[in-house]
Amino acid sequence: SQMSHQFVHLKDLRPMQKNVNVHFIVLEVYDPTRTKDGNEVRNVSIADRTGRMTLALWNDHGRQVHPGDICRVLNGLTTVFKQEMTLNVGKNGELQKTGDFMMVFSEKPNLSEMTPDMLAKMQEMNAAKAAPQSGSGGAPSAGRARGGPSFSSGWGKT
């Protein structure tokens, strides 16, 4: 379905979601941090009319965006780090700049801050993953408890 992308509002994003298409305005681009392997990651504050969120951009992507840019992420994914949900472009995703300054947006609520029930769901998912599988001889299950996302490095092409 490369033809028509189904766009969602930031407020409808959920932790560990894949194949996410969103349209947003860039509010602020923060200073990059360098990872041990020499990559550069920047947190970017983004918003649409339903609220704002943090977008993590690596290397060139992070150098391409500026406050006021209207962009979209196609085929992105959400991750959770330190109880904050972040939007990522991912291996198969695309970041596209679509314009400047012409977008209705709201800075509240901050949708990266996870609600108590989202956190509870994450804890359940993690507990389900951590539970030893009986009779599997201690082999790790692939993190697919109850059809949850698998955390392979290839992000699973669909």
N, C-alpha and C. Protein backbone atom coordinates (compact mmCIF):
# COMPACT_ATOMS: atom_id res chain seq x y z
N SER A 1 0.84 -1.20 0.00
CA SER A 1 0.00 0.00 0.00
C SER A 1 0.87 1.25 0.00
N GLN A 2 1.86 1.30 -0.90
CA GLN A 2 2.72 2.48 -1.01
C GLN A 2 1.92 3.68 -1.50
N MET A 3 0.82 3.43 -2.20
CA MET A 3 0.08 4.52 -2.84
C MET A 3 -0.51 5.49 -1.83
N SER A 4 -1.39 4.99 -0.98
CA SER A 4 -2.08 5.90 -0.06
C SER A 4 -1.62 5.63 1.36
N HIS A 5 -0.99 6.62 1.96
CA HIS A 5 -0.56 6.48 3.34
C HIS A 5 -1.69 6.91 4.26
N GLN A 6 -1.96 6.10 5.25
CA GLN A 6 -2.97 6.44 6.25
C GLN A 6 -2.27 7.24 7.34
N PHE A 7 -2.59 8.53 7.45
CA PHE A 7 -1.92 9.35 8.46
C PHE A 7 -2.68 9.32 9.77
N VAL A 8 -1.94 9.34 10.87
CA VAL A 8 -2.58 9.36 12.19
C VAL A 8 -2.13 10.61 12.94
N HIS A 9 -2.95 11.01 13.90
CA HIS A 9 -2.57 12.13 14.76
C HIS A 9 -1.59 11.65 15.82
N LEU A 10 -0.77 12.57 16.29
CA LEU A 10 0.21 12.21 17.32
C LEU A 10 -0.48 11.60 18.55
N LYS A 11 -1.66 12.11 18.90
CA LYS A 11 -2.31 11.60 20.11
C LYS A 11 -2.74 10.14 19.97
N ASP A 12 -2.80 9.64 18.74
CA ASP A 12 -3.23 8.26 18.54
C ASP A 12 -2.07 7.28 18.47
N LEU A 13 -0.85 7.77 18.58
CA LEU A 13 0.30 6.87 18.56
C LEU A 13 0.37 6.10 19.87
N ARG A 14 0.83 4.86 19.79
CA ARG A 14 0.98 4.00 20.96
C ARG A 14 2.41 3.49 21.03
N PRO A 15 2.85 3.10 22.22
CA PRO A 15 4.22 2.58 22.35
C PRO A 15 4.45 1.37 21.45
N MET A 16 5.64 1.26 20.91
CA MET A 16 6.08 0.11 20.13
C MET A 16 5.20 -0.12 18.90
N GLN A 17 4.75 0.96 18.30
CA GLN A 17 3.93 0.86 17.10
C GLN A 17 4.83 0.95 15.87
N LYS A 18 4.46 0.27 14.79
CA LYS A 18 5.25 0.31 13.56
C LYS A 18 4.42 0.85 12.41
N ASN A 19 5.09 1.13 11.29
CA ASN A 19 4.41 1.57 10.07
C ASN A 19 3.53 2.78 10.32
N VAL A 20 4.09 3.75 11.02
CA VAL A 20 3.36 4.93 11.43
C VAL A 20 3.60 6.07 10.43
N ASN A 21 2.51 6.73 10.00
CA ASN A 21 2.62 7.89 9.12
C ASN A 21 2.05 9.11 9.83
N VAL A 22 2.89 10.13 10.04
CA VAL A 22 2.41 11.33 10.73
C VAL A 22 2.89 12.59 10.02
N HIS A 23 2.13 13.66 10.20
CA HIS A 23 2.39 14.94 9.57
C HIS A 23 2.50 15.94 10.72
N PHE A 24 3.54 16.76 10.75
CA PHE A 24 3.76 17.59 11.94
C PHE A 24 4.56 18.83 11.60
N ILE A 25 4.60 19.76 12.57
CA ILE A 25 5.47 20.93 12.48
C ILE A 25 6.60 20.74 13.48
N VAL A 26 7.80 21.17 13.11
CA VAL A 26 8.96 21.11 14.01
C VAL A 26 8.95 22.35 14.90
N LEU A 27 8.91 22.14 16.21
CA LEU A 27 8.92 23.28 17.14
C LEU A 27 10.34 23.64 17.53
N GLU A 28 11.13 22.63 17.85
CA GLU A 28 12.46 22.90 18.37
C GLU A 28 13.38 21.73 18.04
N VAL A 29 14.63 22.04 17.73
CA VAL A 29 15.62 21.00 17.46
C VAL A 29 16.70 21.15 18.52
N TYR A 30 16.89 20.11 19.32
CA TYR A 30 17.86 20.20 20.42
C TYR A 30 19.25 19.77 19.97
N ASP A 31 20.24 20.12 20.78
CA ASP A 31 21.62 19.78 20.44
C ASP A 31 21.80 18.27 20.32
N PRO A 32 22.65 17.86 19.39
CA PRO A 32 22.85 16.42 19.20
C PRO A 32 23.64 15.80 20.34
N THR A 33 23.40 14.52 20.58
CA THR A 33 24.29 13.75 21.45
C THR A 33 24.98 12.73 20.57
N ARG A 34 26.22 12.42 20.91
CA ARG A 34 26.96 11.43 20.14
C ARG A 34 26.88 10.09 20.84
N THR A 35 26.60 9.05 20.07
CA THR A 35 26.59 7.71 20.65
C THR A 35 28.02 7.17 20.62
N LYS A 36 28.23 6.09 21.34
CA LYS A 36 29.58 5.51 21.42
C LYS A 36 30.14 5.18 20.05
N ASP A 37 29.25 4.75 19.13
CA ASP A 37 29.75 4.36 17.81
C ASP A 37 29.81 5.53 16.82
N GLY A 38 29.77 6.76 17.37
CA GLY A 38 30.01 7.92 16.51
C GLY A 38 28.79 8.45 15.78
N ASN A 39 27.61 7.90 16.08
CA ASN A 39 26.40 8.46 15.48
C ASN A 39 25.96 9.69 16.25
N GLU A 40 25.13 10.48 15.59
CA GLU A 40 24.65 11.72 16.17
C GLU A 40 23.14 11.62 16.26
N VAL A 41 22.59 11.78 17.45
CA VAL A 41 21.13 11.73 17.56
C VAL A 41 20.62 13.02 18.16
N ARG A 42 19.58 13.56 17.53
CA ARG A 42 18.97 14.80 18.01
C ARG A 42 17.53 14.54 18.39
N ASN A 43 17.12 15.08 19.53
CA ASN A 43 15.71 15.08 19.86
C ASN A 43 15.08 16.33 19.28
N VAL A 44 13.92 16.14 18.68
CA VAL A 44 13.22 17.23 18.03
C VAL A 44 11.82 17.28 18.62
N SER A 45 11.40 18.46 19.03
CA SER A 45 10.04 18.62 19.54
C SER A 45 9.12 18.89 18.35
N ILE A 46 8.12 18.03 18.17
CA ILE A 46 7.20 18.17 17.04
C ILE A 46 5.76 18.28 17.56
N ALA A 47 4.87 18.80 16.73
CA ALA A 47 3.47 18.93 17.16
C ALA A 47 2.53 18.85 15.97
N ASP A 48 1.31 18.39 16.27
CA ASP A 48 0.21 18.58 15.32
C ASP A 48 -0.94 19.16 16.14
N ARG A 49 -2.16 19.15 15.62
CA ARG A 49 -3.20 19.84 16.39
C ARG A 49 -3.64 19.08 17.62
N THR A 50 -3.15 17.83 17.78
CA THR A 50 -3.58 17.05 18.95
C THR A 50 -2.57 17.10 20.10
N GLY A 51 -1.40 17.71 19.88
CA GLY A 51 -0.40 17.79 20.95
C GLY A 51 1.00 17.69 20.40
N ARG A 52 1.97 17.58 21.31
CA ARG A 52 3.35 17.51 20.85
C ARG A 52 4.02 16.22 21.30
N MET A 53 5.15 15.93 20.69
CA MET A 53 5.85 14.68 20.96
C MET A 53 7.32 14.87 20.63
N THR A 54 8.13 13.95 21.09
CA THR A 54 9.56 13.97 20.76
C THR A 54 9.81 13.04 19.58
N LEU A 55 10.56 13.56 18.62
CA LEU A 55 11.01 12.77 17.47
C LEU A 55 12.52 12.65 17.60
N ALA A 56 13.06 11.44 17.47
CA ALA A 56 14.52 11.25 17.52
C ALA A 56 15.03 11.13 16.09
N LEU A 57 16.01 11.96 15.74
CA LEU A 57 16.55 11.93 14.38
C LEU A 57 18.04 11.64 14.42
N TRP A 58 18.48 10.73 13.55
CA TRP A 58 19.87 10.32 13.50
C TRP A 58 20.61 11.00 12.37
N ASN A 59 21.84 11.41 12.65
CA ASN A 59 22.78 11.87 11.63
C ASN A 59 22.18 12.89 10.66
N ASP A 60 22.19 12.58 9.34
CA ASP A 60 21.74 13.56 8.34
C ASP A 60 20.32 14.05 8.56
N HIS A 61 19.43 13.13 8.94
CA HIS A 61 18.04 13.56 9.18
C HIS A 61 17.99 14.71 10.18
N GLY A 62 18.78 14.61 11.23
CA GLY A 62 18.76 15.63 12.27
C GLY A 62 19.28 16.97 11.80
N ARG A 63 20.17 16.93 10.81
CA ARG A 63 20.74 18.18 10.30
C ARG A 63 19.81 18.84 9.28
N GLN A 64 18.81 18.11 8.81
CA GLN A 64 17.94 18.64 7.75
C GLN A 64 16.74 19.42 8.26
N VAL A 65 16.39 19.26 9.53
CA VAL A 65 15.15 19.90 9.98
C VAL A 65 15.41 21.12 10.85
N HIS A 66 14.50 22.08 10.74
CA HIS A 66 14.63 23.33 11.49
C HIS A 66 13.26 23.72 12.03
N PRO A 67 13.25 24.52 13.11
CA PRO A 67 11.96 24.96 13.65
C PRO A 67 11.12 25.63 12.57
N GLY A 68 9.84 25.29 12.52
CA GLY A 68 8.95 25.85 11.52
C GLY A 68 8.76 24.95 10.31
N ASP A 69 9.64 23.96 10.14
CA ASP A 69 9.47 23.03 9.02
C ASP A 69 8.21 22.19 9.23
N ILE A 70 7.49 21.98 8.15
CA ILE A 70 6.38 21.02 8.16
C ILE A 70 6.92 19.75 7.51
N CYS A 71 6.82 18.66 8.22
CA CYS A 71 7.40 17.41 7.73
C CYS A 71 6.41 16.28 7.88
N ARG A 72 6.76 15.18 7.26
CA ARG A 72 6.04 13.96 7.59
C ARG A 72 7.04 12.83 7.73
N VAL A 73 6.66 11.90 8.58
CA VAL A 73 7.42 10.66 8.70
C VAL A 73 6.52 9.58 8.12
N LEU A 74 7.08 8.82 7.19
CA LEU A 74 6.36 7.69 6.61
C LEU A 74 7.00 6.41 7.12
N ASN A 75 6.16 5.46 7.51
CA ASN A 75 6.67 4.16 7.93
C ASN A 75 7.57 4.26 9.15
N GLY A 76 7.25 5.19 10.05
CA GLY A 76 8.04 5.34 11.26
C GLY A 76 7.64 4.35 12.34
N LEU A 77 8.23 4.50 13.51
CA LEU A 77 7.89 3.62 14.62
C LEU A 77 8.07 4.37 15.92
N THR A 78 7.41 3.89 16.96
CA THR A 78 7.55 4.51 18.27
C THR A 78 8.36 3.61 19.19
N THR A 79 9.19 4.22 20.01
CA THR A 79 9.95 3.47 21.01
C THR A 79 9.73 4.13 22.36
N VAL A 80 10.12 3.43 23.40
CA VAL A 80 9.98 3.97 24.74
C VAL A 80 11.34 3.90 25.42
N PHE A 81 11.76 5.03 25.99
CA PHE A 81 13.03 5.08 26.70
C PHE A 81 12.80 5.94 27.93
N LYS A 82 13.15 5.42 29.10
CA LYS A 82 12.95 6.16 30.35
C LYS A 82 11.53 6.70 30.46
N GLN A 83 10.55 5.87 30.18
CA GLN A 83 9.13 6.22 30.30
C GLN A 83 8.69 7.33 29.36
N GLU A 84 9.47 7.60 28.33
CA GLU A 84 9.06 8.58 27.33
C GLU A 84 8.88 7.88 26.00
N MET A 85 7.74 8.15 25.36
CA MET A 85 7.52 7.59 24.04
C MET A 85 8.09 8.54 23.00
N THR A 86 8.85 7.98 22.09
CA THR A 86 9.52 8.77 21.07
C THR A 86 9.18 8.23 19.69
N LEU A 87 9.00 9.14 18.74
CA LEU A 87 8.80 8.74 17.35
C LEU A 87 10.16 8.62 16.69
N ASN A 88 10.34 7.59 15.87
CA ASN A 88 11.60 7.35 15.17
C ASN A 88 11.32 7.11 13.69
N VAL A 89 12.31 7.45 12.85
CA VAL A 89 12.14 7.20 11.42
C VAL A 89 12.39 5.72 11.13
N GLY A 90 13.37 5.12 11.79
CA GLY A 90 13.60 3.68 11.61
C GLY A 90 14.29 3.35 10.30
N LYS A 91 14.63 2.07 10.15
CA LYS A 91 15.38 1.61 8.98
C LYS A 91 14.60 1.79 7.67
N ASN A 92 13.31 1.48 7.72
CA ASN A 92 12.52 1.50 6.49
C ASN A 92 11.70 2.76 6.34
N GLY A 93 11.91 3.70 7.25
CA GLY A 93 11.07 4.90 7.25
C GLY A 93 11.63 6.01 6.38
N GLU A 94 10.82 7.03 6.19
CA GLU A 94 11.23 8.21 5.43
C GLU A 94 10.85 9.47 6.18
N LEU A 95 11.72 10.46 6.10
CA LEU A 95 11.41 11.78 6.63
C LEU A 95 11.31 12.71 5.43
N GLN A 96 10.20 13.41 5.28
CA GLN A 96 10.04 14.32 4.14
C GLN A 96 9.63 15.69 4.64
N LYS A 97 10.27 16.71 4.08
CA LYS A 97 9.86 18.08 4.40
C LYS A 97 8.79 18.48 3.40
N THR A 98 7.65 18.98 3.91
CA THR A 98 6.56 19.29 2.99
C THR A 98 6.23 20.77 2.91
N GLY A 99 6.83 21.61 3.76
CA GLY A 99 6.51 23.03 3.69
C GLY A 99 7.03 23.80 4.89
N ASP A 100 6.58 25.03 5.05
CA ASP A 100 6.97 25.88 6.17
C ASP A 100 5.77 26.55 6.81
N PHE A 101 5.78 26.57 8.13
CA PHE A 101 4.96 27.48 8.93
C PHE A 101 3.45 27.47 8.74
N MET A 102 2.91 26.61 7.86
CA MET A 102 1.47 26.67 7.64
C MET A 102 0.81 25.45 8.25
N MET A 103 0.68 25.45 9.56
CA MET A 103 0.06 24.29 10.17
C MET A 103 -0.52 24.66 11.52
N VAL A 104 -1.69 24.12 11.78
CA VAL A 104 -2.31 24.33 13.09
C VAL A 104 -1.71 23.30 14.03
N PHE A 105 -1.22 23.74 15.18
CA PHE A 105 -0.66 22.76 16.11
C PHE A 105 -0.93 23.17 17.54
N SER A 106 -0.77 22.23 18.43
CA SER A 106 -0.95 22.48 19.85
C SER A 106 0.24 21.92 20.61
N GLU A 107 0.79 22.70 21.54
CA GLU A 107 1.93 22.21 22.31
C GLU A 107 1.48 21.36 23.49
N LYS A 108 0.18 21.35 23.75
CA LYS A 108 -0.31 20.55 24.87
C LYS A 108 -1.37 19.60 24.34
N PRO A 109 -1.50 18.40 24.89
CA PRO A 109 -0.60 17.85 25.91
C PRO A 109 0.70 17.35 25.31
N ASN A 110 1.68 17.09 26.18
CA ASN A 110 2.92 16.47 25.74
C ASN A 110 2.67 14.98 25.64
N LEU A 111 2.54 14.48 24.42
CA LEU A 111 2.14 13.09 24.21
C LEU A 111 3.29 12.11 24.38
N SER A 112 4.50 12.62 24.54
CA SER A 112 5.61 11.71 24.82
C SER A 112 5.54 11.22 26.27
N GLU A 113 4.90 12.00 27.13
CA GLU A 113 4.78 11.58 28.52
C GLU A 113 3.71 10.51 28.59
N MET A 114 4.10 9.32 29.00
CA MET A 114 3.16 8.21 28.96
C MET A 114 2.18 8.24 30.13
N THR A 115 0.94 7.88 29.83
CA THR A 115 -0.08 7.84 30.87
C THR A 115 0.13 6.62 31.75
N PRO A 116 -0.39 6.64 32.97
CA PRO A 116 -0.24 5.49 33.87
C PRO A 116 -0.70 4.18 33.23
N ASP A 117 -1.80 4.20 32.47
CA ASP A 117 -2.22 2.91 31.92
C ASP A 117 -1.34 2.44 30.76
N MET A 118 -0.72 3.39 30.03
CA MET A 118 0.25 2.97 29.02
C MET A 118 1.46 2.31 29.70
N LEU A 119 1.90 2.92 30.81
CA LEU A 119 3.04 2.36 31.53
C LEU A 119 2.71 0.98 32.07
N ALA A 120 1.48 0.83 32.59
CA ALA A 120 1.07 -0.47 33.12
C ALA A 120 1.09 -1.52 32.01
N LYS A 121 0.60 -1.14 30.82
CA LYS A 121 0.61 -2.09 29.69
C LYS A 121 2.03 -2.48 29.31
N MET A 122 2.94 -1.49 29.31
CA MET A 122 4.34 -1.79 29.00
C MET A 122 4.90 -2.78 30.00
N GLN A 123 4.59 -2.54 31.30
CA GLN A 123 5.11 -3.44 32.33
C GLN A 123 4.58 -4.85 32.13
N GLU A 124 3.29 -4.95 31.77
CA GLU A 124 2.71 -6.27 31.49
C GLU A 124 3.45 -6.94 30.35
N MET A 125 3.69 -6.18 29.27
CA MET A 125 4.38 -6.75 28.11
C MET A 125 5.77 -7.23 28.51
N ASN A 126 6.46 -6.41 29.29
CA ASN A 126 7.81 -6.78 29.71
C ASN A 126 7.80 -7.99 30.62
N ALA A 127 6.81 -8.05 31.51
CA ALA A 127 6.70 -9.19 32.42
C ALA A 127 6.43 -10.46 31.62
N ALA A 128 5.56 -10.34 30.62
CA ALA A 128 5.23 -11.51 29.80
C ALA A 128 6.47 -12.00 29.06
N LYS A 129 7.29 -11.05 28.60
CA LYS A 129 8.53 -11.43 27.90
C LYS A 129 9.52 -12.09 28.84
N ALA A 130 9.59 -11.54 30.08
CA ALA A 130 10.60 -12.02 31.02
C ALA A 130 10.24 -13.36 31.64
N ALA A 131 8.94 -13.71 31.62
CA ALA A 131 8.51 -14.96 32.25
C ALA A 131 9.16 -16.14 31.55
N PRO A 132 9.78 -17.04 32.33
CA PRO A 132 10.42 -18.21 31.70
C PRO A 132 9.36 -19.09 31.05
N GLN A 133 9.61 -19.53 29.85
CA GLN A 133 8.68 -20.42 29.15
C GLN A 133 8.90 -21.83 29.68
N SER A 134 7.84 -22.45 30.20
CA SER A 134 8.03 -23.79 30.76
C SER A 134 8.36 -24.77 29.64
N GLY A 135 9.29 -25.65 29.92
CA GLY A 135 9.61 -26.72 28.98
C GLY A 135 10.37 -26.27 27.76
N SER A 136 10.85 -25.03 27.74
CA SER A 136 11.59 -24.63 26.55
C SER A 136 13.09 -24.76 26.79
N GLY A 137 13.44 -25.36 27.94
CA GLY A 137 14.86 -25.53 28.23
C GLY A 137 15.58 -24.21 28.37
N GLY A 138 14.84 -23.17 28.77
CA GLY A 138 15.48 -21.88 29.01
C GLY A 138 15.83 -21.12 27.75
N ALA A 139 15.40 -21.61 26.59
CA ALA A 139 15.68 -20.85 25.37
C ALA A 139 14.83 -19.59 25.37
N PRO A 140 15.41 -18.46 24.99
CA PRO A 140 14.61 -17.24 25.04
C PRO A 140 13.49 -17.31 24.00
N SER A 141 12.29 -16.91 24.39
CA SER A 141 11.24 -16.82 23.38
C SER A 141 11.51 -15.53 22.62
N ALA A 142 11.00 -15.44 21.43
CA ALA A 142 11.38 -14.30 20.58
C ALA A 142 10.67 -13.01 20.93
N GLY A 143 10.20 -12.90 22.15
CA GLY A 143 9.57 -11.64 22.55
C GLY A 143 8.24 -11.42 21.87
N ARG A 144 7.58 -12.50 21.51
CA ARG A 144 6.30 -12.35 20.83
C ARG A 144 5.14 -12.73 21.73
N ALA A 145 5.31 -12.53 23.02
CA ALA A 145 4.24 -12.85 23.95
C ALA A 145 2.96 -12.15 23.52
N ARG A 146 1.90 -12.87 23.46
CA ARG A 146 0.58 -12.32 23.10
C ARG A 146 0.62 -11.44 21.85
N GLY A 147 1.36 -11.87 20.85
CA GLY A 147 1.33 -11.13 19.59
C GLY A 147 1.88 -9.72 19.68
N GLY A 148 2.68 -9.47 20.71
CA GLY A 148 3.29 -8.15 20.83
C GLY A 148 4.34 -7.98 19.76
N PRO A 149 4.92 -6.80 19.66
CA PRO A 149 5.94 -6.59 18.63
C PRO A 149 7.19 -7.40 18.93
N SER A 150 7.88 -7.82 17.90
CA SER A 150 9.15 -8.48 18.15
C SER A 150 10.24 -7.43 17.99
N PHE A 151 11.31 -7.58 18.74
CA PHE A 151 12.32 -6.54 18.73
C PHE A 151 13.54 -6.99 17.95
N SER A 152 13.33 -7.43 16.72
CA SER A 152 14.48 -7.80 15.91
C SER A 152 15.07 -6.52 15.34
N SER A 153 16.31 -6.59 14.92
CA SER A 153 16.94 -5.36 14.47
C SER A 153 16.49 -4.96 13.07
N GLY A 154 15.82 -5.84 12.36
CA GLY A 154 15.45 -5.51 10.99
C GLY A 154 14.14 -4.78 10.86
N TRP A 155 13.48 -4.55 11.99
CA TRP A 155 12.19 -3.83 12.03
C TRP A 155 11.12 -4.46 11.14
N GLY A 156 11.35 -5.69 10.66
CA GLY A 156 10.31 -6.43 9.96
C GLY A 156 9.64 -5.70 8.81
N LYS A 157 10.06 -5.96 7.59
CA LYS A 157 9.38 -5.35 6.45
C LYS A 157 7.98 -5.93 6.35
N THR A 158 7.03 -5.09 5.96
CA THR A 158 5.66 -5.61 5.79
C THR A 158 5.29 -5.55 4.33
